[in-house]
């Protein structure tokens, strides 16, 4: 009798929705990341050009 049962597929079909798992408390805006990268590049250029004079 147990062999007569029909197995139906699940409703979601095995798909995971990651947006429902939660949001991070530490989010950084893209503009802040780009500004940080530009500041690092400017700092590197200053050290490259004036580093010997500044650091001895």
PDB file of N, CA and C in Angstrom:
ATOM      1  N   UNK A   1       0.809  -1.199   0.000  1.00  0.00           N
ATOM      2  CA  UNK A   1       0.000   0.000   0.000  1.00  0.00           C
ATOM      3  C   UNK A   1       0.855   1.267   0.000  1.00  0.00           C
ATOM      4  N   UNK A   2       2.029   1.243   0.657  1.00  0.00           N
ATOM      5  CA  UNK A   2       2.879   2.425   0.725  1.00  0.00           C
ATOM      6  C   UNK A   2       3.493   2.741  -0.624  1.00  0.00           C
ATOM      7  N   UNK A   3       3.571   1.759  -1.521  1.00  0.00           N
ATOM      8  CA  UNK A   3       4.160   1.990  -2.834  1.00  0.00           C
ATOM      9  C   UNK A   3       3.226   2.714  -3.786  1.00  0.00           C
ATOM     10  N   UNK A   4       1.965   2.867  -3.435  1.00  0.00           N
ATOM     11  CA  UNK A   4       0.989   3.496  -4.320  1.00  0.00           C
ATOM     12  C   UNK A   4       0.969   5.019  -4.198  1.00  0.00           C
ATOM     13  N   UNK A   5       1.716   5.597  -3.241  1.00  0.00           N
ATOM     14  CA  UNK A   5       1.695   7.049  -3.049  1.00  0.00           C
ATOM     15  C   UNK A   5       2.465   7.748  -4.167  1.00  0.00           C
ATOM     16  N   UNK A   6       1.991   8.928  -4.538  1.00  0.00           N
ATOM     17  CA  UNK A   6       2.634   9.727  -5.571  1.00  0.00           C
ATOM     18  C   UNK A   6       3.398  10.854  -4.892  1.00  0.00           C
ATOM     19  N   UNK A   7       4.655  11.020  -5.253  1.00  0.00           N
ATOM     20  CA  UNK A   7       5.485  12.085  -4.701  1.00  0.00           C
ATOM     21  C   UNK A   7       5.378  13.318  -5.588  1.00  0.00           C
ATOM     22  N   UNK A   8       4.944  14.436  -5.009  1.00  0.00           N
ATOM     23  CA  UNK A   8       4.810  15.690  -5.754  1.00  0.00           C
ATOM     24  C   UNK A   8       6.046  16.558  -5.538  1.00  0.00           C
ATOM     25  N   UNK A   9       6.438  17.350  -6.533  1.00  0.00           N
ATOM     26  CA  UNK A   9       7.591  18.244  -6.358  1.00  0.00           C
ATOM     27  C   UNK A   9       7.263  19.360  -5.370  1.00  0.00           C
ATOM     28  N   UNK A  10       8.300  19.897  -4.760  1.00  0.00           N
ATOM     29  CA  UNK A  10       8.090  20.986  -3.808  1.00  0.00           C
ATOM     30  C   UNK A  10       7.685  22.260  -4.547  1.00  0.00           C
ATOM     31  N   UNK A  11       7.116  23.193  -3.818  1.00  0.00           N
ATOM     32  CA  UNK A  11       6.614  24.417  -4.424  1.00  0.00           C
ATOM     33  C   UNK A  11       7.690  25.325  -4.975  1.00  0.00           C
ATOM     34  N   UNK A  12       8.850  25.384  -4.327  1.00  0.00           N
ATOM     35  CA  UNK A  12       9.924  26.281  -4.763  1.00  0.00           C
ATOM     36  C   UNK A  12      10.860  25.612  -5.752  1.00  0.00           C
ATOM     37  N   UNK A  13      10.796  24.345  -5.913  1.00  0.00           N
ATOM     38  CA  UNK A  13      11.643  23.657  -6.883  1.00  0.00           C
ATOM     39  C   UNK A  13      13.121  23.679  -6.513  1.00  0.00           C
ATOM     40  N   UNK A  14      13.453  23.813  -5.237  1.00  0.00           N
ATOM     41  CA  UNK A  14      14.840  23.814  -4.799  1.00  0.00           C
ATOM     42  C   UNK A  14      15.537  25.156  -4.935  1.00  0.00           C
ATOM     43  N   UNK A  15      14.810  26.201  -5.287  1.00  0.00           N
ATOM     44  CA  UNK A  15      15.424  27.524  -5.440  1.00  0.00           C
ATOM     45  C   UNK A  15      15.542  28.216  -4.087  1.00  0.00           C
ATOM     46  N   UNK A  16      16.623  28.964  -3.905  1.00  0.00           N
ATOM     47  CA  UNK A  16      16.853  29.694  -2.665  1.00  0.00           C
ATOM     48  C   UNK A  16      16.752  31.183  -2.967  1.00  0.00           C
ATOM     49  N   UNK A  17      16.037  31.876  -2.141  1.00  0.00           N
ATOM     50  CA  UNK A  17      15.920  33.323  -2.299  1.00  0.00           C
ATOM     51  C   UNK A  17      16.794  33.984  -1.233  1.00  0.00           C
ATOM     52  N   UNK A  18      17.942  34.488  -1.663  1.00  0.00           N
ATOM     53  CA  UNK A  18      18.910  35.044  -0.725  1.00  0.00           C
ATOM     54  C   UNK A  18      18.481  36.387  -0.165  1.00  0.00           C
ATOM     55  N   UNK A  19      17.616  37.092  -0.845  1.00  0.00           N
ATOM     56  CA  UNK A  19      17.206  38.407  -0.360  1.00  0.00           C
ATOM     57  C   UNK A  19      16.368  38.301   0.908  1.00  0.00           C
ATOM     58  N   UNK A  20      15.822  37.138   1.191  1.00  0.00           N
ATOM     59  CA  UNK A  20      14.991  36.982   2.371  1.00  0.00           C
ATOM     60  C   UNK A  20      15.799  36.549   3.592  1.00  0.00           C
ATOM     61  N   UNK A  21      17.097  36.292   3.438  1.00  0.00           N
ATOM     62  CA  UNK A  21      17.889  35.793   4.552  1.00  0.00           C
ATOM     63  C   UNK A  21      18.279  36.883   5.524  1.00  0.00           C
ATOM     64  N   UNK A  22      18.327  38.108   5.119  1.00  0.00           N
ATOM     65  CA  UNK A  22      18.671  39.187   6.033  1.00  0.00           C
ATOM     66  C   UNK A  22      19.589  40.190   5.381  1.00  0.00           C
ATOM     67  N   UNK A  23      19.650  41.344   5.983  1.00  0.00           N
ATOM     68  CA  UNK A  23      20.482  42.425   5.472  1.00  0.00           C
ATOM     69  C   UNK A  23      21.661  42.633   6.418  1.00  0.00           C
ATOM     70  N   UNK A  24      22.780  43.043   5.854  1.00  0.00           N
ATOM     71  CA  UNK A  24      23.962  43.327   6.658  1.00  0.00           C
ATOM     72  C   UNK A  24      23.777  44.669   7.364  1.00  0.00           C
ATOM     73  N   UNK A  25      24.294  44.746   8.581  1.00  0.00           N
ATOM     74  CA  UNK A  25      24.207  46.004   9.318  1.00  0.00           C
ATOM     75  C   UNK A  25      25.271  46.985   8.866  1.00  0.00           C
ATOM     76  N   UNK A  26      26.353  46.476   8.273  1.00  0.00           N
ATOM     77  CA  UNK A  26      27.467  47.321   7.825  1.00  0.00           C
ATOM     78  C   UNK A  26      27.461  47.393   6.304  1.00  0.00           C
ATOM     79  N   UNK A  27      26.768  48.370   5.788  1.00  0.00           N
ATOM     80  CA  UNK A  27      26.723  48.562   4.336  1.00  0.00           C
ATOM     81  C   UNK A  27      27.467  49.842   3.977  1.00  0.00           C
ATOM     82  N   UNK A  28      28.282  49.754   2.920  1.00  0.00           N
ATOM     83  CA  UNK A  28      29.058  50.903   2.456  1.00  0.00           C
ATOM     84  C   UNK A  28      28.529  51.299   1.089  1.00  0.00           C
ATOM     85  N   UNK A  29      28.279  52.578   0.906  1.00  0.00           N
ATOM     86  CA  UNK A  29      27.788  53.062  -0.378  1.00  0.00           C
ATOM     87  C   UNK A  29      28.910  52.989  -1.409  1.00  0.00           C
ATOM     88  N   UNK A  30      28.572  52.749  -2.680  1.00  0.00           N
ATOM     89  CA  UNK A  30      29.599  52.658  -3.724  1.00  0.00           C
ATOM     90  C   UNK A  30      30.422  53.930  -3.879  1.00  0.00           C
ATOM     91  N   UNK A  31      29.831  55.078  -3.670  1.00  0.00           N
ATOM     92  CA  UNK A  31      30.558  56.342  -3.784  1.00  0.00           C
ATOM     93  C   UNK A  31      31.669  56.456  -2.749  1.00  0.00           C
ATOM     94  N   UNK A  32      31.428  55.937  -1.557  1.00  0.00           N
ATOM     95  CA  UNK A  32      32.439  55.978  -0.505  1.00  0.00           C
ATOM     96  C   UNK A  32      33.616  55.083  -0.876  1.00  0.00           C
ATOM     97  N   UNK A  33      33.341  53.932  -1.458  1.00  0.00           N
ATOM     98  CA  UNK A  33      34.408  53.010  -1.865  1.00  0.00           C
ATOM     99  C   UNK A  33      35.263  53.645  -2.959  1.00  0.00           C
ATOM    100  N   UNK A  34      34.627  54.276  -3.939  1.00  0.00           N
ATOM    101  CA  UNK A  34      35.368  54.926  -5.030  1.00  0.00           C
ATOM    102  C   UNK A  34      36.210  56.072  -4.484  1.00  0.00           C
ATOM    103  N   UNK A  35      35.663  56.865  -3.565  1.00  0.00           N
ATOM    104  CA  UNK A  35      36.415  57.964  -2.963  1.00  0.00           C
ATOM    105  C   UNK A  35      37.625  57.435  -2.192  1.00  0.00           C
ATOM    106  N   UNK A  36      37.454  56.348  -1.466  1.00  0.00           N
ATOM    107  CA  UNK A  36      38.549  55.752  -0.716  1.00  0.00           C
ATOM    108  C   UNK A  36      39.659  55.276  -1.649  1.00  0.00           C
ATOM    109  N   UNK A  37      39.293  54.671  -2.778  1.00  0.00           N
ATOM    110  CA  UNK A  37      40.283  54.202  -3.753  1.00  0.00           C
ATOM    111  C   UNK A  37      41.040  55.385  -4.355  1.00  0.00           C
ATOM    112  N   UNK A  38      40.325  56.461  -4.692  1.00  0.00           N
ATOM    113  CA  UNK A  38      40.974  57.645  -5.266  1.00  0.00           C
ATOM    114  C   UNK A  38      41.936  58.263  -4.258  1.00  0.00           C
ATOM    115  N   UNK A  39      41.550  58.318  -2.990  1.00  0.00           N
ATOM    116  CA  UNK A  39      42.438  58.871  -1.971  1.00  0.00           C
ATOM    117  C   UNK A  39      43.696  58.026  -1.807  1.00  0.00           C
ATOM    118  N   UNK A  40      43.565  56.725  -1.873  1.00  0.00           N
ATOM    119  CA  UNK A  40      44.744  55.850  -1.799  1.00  0.00           C
ATOM    120  C   UNK A  40      45.656  56.078  -2.997  1.00  0.00           C
ATOM    121  N   UNK A  41      45.091  56.218  -4.188  1.00  0.00           N
ATOM    122  CA  UNK A  41      45.904  56.470  -5.382  1.00  0.00           C
ATOM    123  C   UNK A  41      46.643  57.800  -5.281  1.00  0.00           C
ATOM    124  N   UNK A  42      45.971  58.833  -4.807  1.00  0.00           N
ATOM    125  CA  UNK A  42      46.624  60.141  -4.644  1.00  0.00           C
ATOM    126  C   UNK A  42      47.746  60.046  -3.612  1.00  0.00           C
ATOM    127  N   UNK A  43      47.510  59.334  -2.518  1.00  0.00           N
ATOM    128  CA  UNK A  43      48.533  59.156  -1.488  1.00  0.00           C
ATOM    129  C   UNK A  43      49.739  58.410  -2.044  1.00  0.00           C
ATOM    130  N   UNK A  44      49.499  57.388  -2.866  1.00  0.00           N
ATOM    131  CA  UNK A  44      50.603  56.655  -3.497  1.00  0.00           C
ATOM    132  C   UNK A  44      51.386  57.538  -4.453  1.00  0.00           C
ATOM    133  N   UNK A  45      50.715  58.360  -5.221  1.00  0.00           N
ATOM    134  CA  UNK A  45      51.413  59.267  -6.141  1.00  0.00           C
ATOM    135  C   UNK A  45      52.268  60.276  -5.376  1.00  0.00           C
ATOM    136  N   UNK A  46      51.743  60.791  -4.266  1.00  0.00           N
ATOM    137  CA  UNK A  46      52.522  61.726  -3.455  1.00  0.00           C
ATOM    138  C   UNK A  46      53.754  61.037  -2.889  1.00  0.00           C
ATOM    139  N   UNK A  47      53.591  59.813  -2.381  1.00  0.00           N
ATOM    140  CA  UNK A  47      54.747  59.098  -1.846  1.00  0.00           C
ATOM    141  C   UNK A  47      55.752  58.757  -2.935  1.00  0.00           C
ATOM    142  N   UNK A  48      55.267  58.440  -4.109  1.00  0.00           N
ATOM    143  CA  UNK A  48      56.174  58.102  -5.206  1.00  0.00           C
ATOM    144  C   UNK A  48      57.009  59.311  -5.622  1.00  0.00           C
ATOM    145  N   UNK A  49      56.385  60.468  -5.704  1.00  0.00           N
ATOM    146  CA  UNK A  49      57.076  61.662  -6.167  1.00  0.00           C
ATOM    147  C   UNK A  49      57.887  62.361  -5.068  1.00  0.00           C
ATOM    148  N   UNK A  50      57.356  62.395  -3.847  1.00  0.00           N
ATOM    149  CA  UNK A  50      58.009  63.163  -2.782  1.00  0.00           C
ATOM    150  C   UNK A  50      58.419  62.300  -1.589  1.00  0.00           C
ATOM    151  N   UNK A  51      58.398  61.005  -1.736  1.00  0.00           N
ATOM    152  CA  UNK A  51      58.650  60.103  -0.617  1.00  0.00           C
ATOM    153  C   UNK A  51      60.044  60.201  -0.033  1.00  0.00           C
ATOM    154  N   UNK A  52      61.059  60.305  -0.889  1.00  0.00           N
ATOM    155  CA  UNK A  52      62.442  60.398  -0.379  1.00  0.00           C
ATOM    156  C   UNK A  52      62.638  61.689   0.407  1.00  0.00           C
ATOM    157  N   UNK A  53      62.061  62.761  -0.062  1.00  0.00           N
ATOM    158  CA  UNK A  53      62.201  64.023   0.642  1.00  0.00           C
ATOM    159  C   UNK A  53      61.429  64.035   1.969  1.00  0.00           C
ATOM    160  N   UNK A  54      60.291  63.379   1.991  1.00  0.00           N
ATOM    161  CA  UNK A  54      59.475  63.384   3.207  1.00  0.00           C
ATOM    162  C   UNK A  54      59.989  62.381   4.248  1.00  0.00           C
ATOM    163  N   UNK A  55      60.443  61.215   3.780  1.00  0.00           N
ATOM    164  CA  UNK A  55      60.821  60.159   4.711  1.00  0.00           C
ATOM    165  C   UNK A  55      62.328  60.034   4.922  1.00  0.00           C
ATOM    166  N   UNK A  56      63.106  60.749   4.155  1.00  0.00           N
ATOM    167  CA  UNK A  56      64.552  60.775   4.352  1.00  0.00           C
ATOM    168  C   UNK A  56      65.336  59.823   3.554  1.00  0.00           C
TER     169      UNK A  56
END
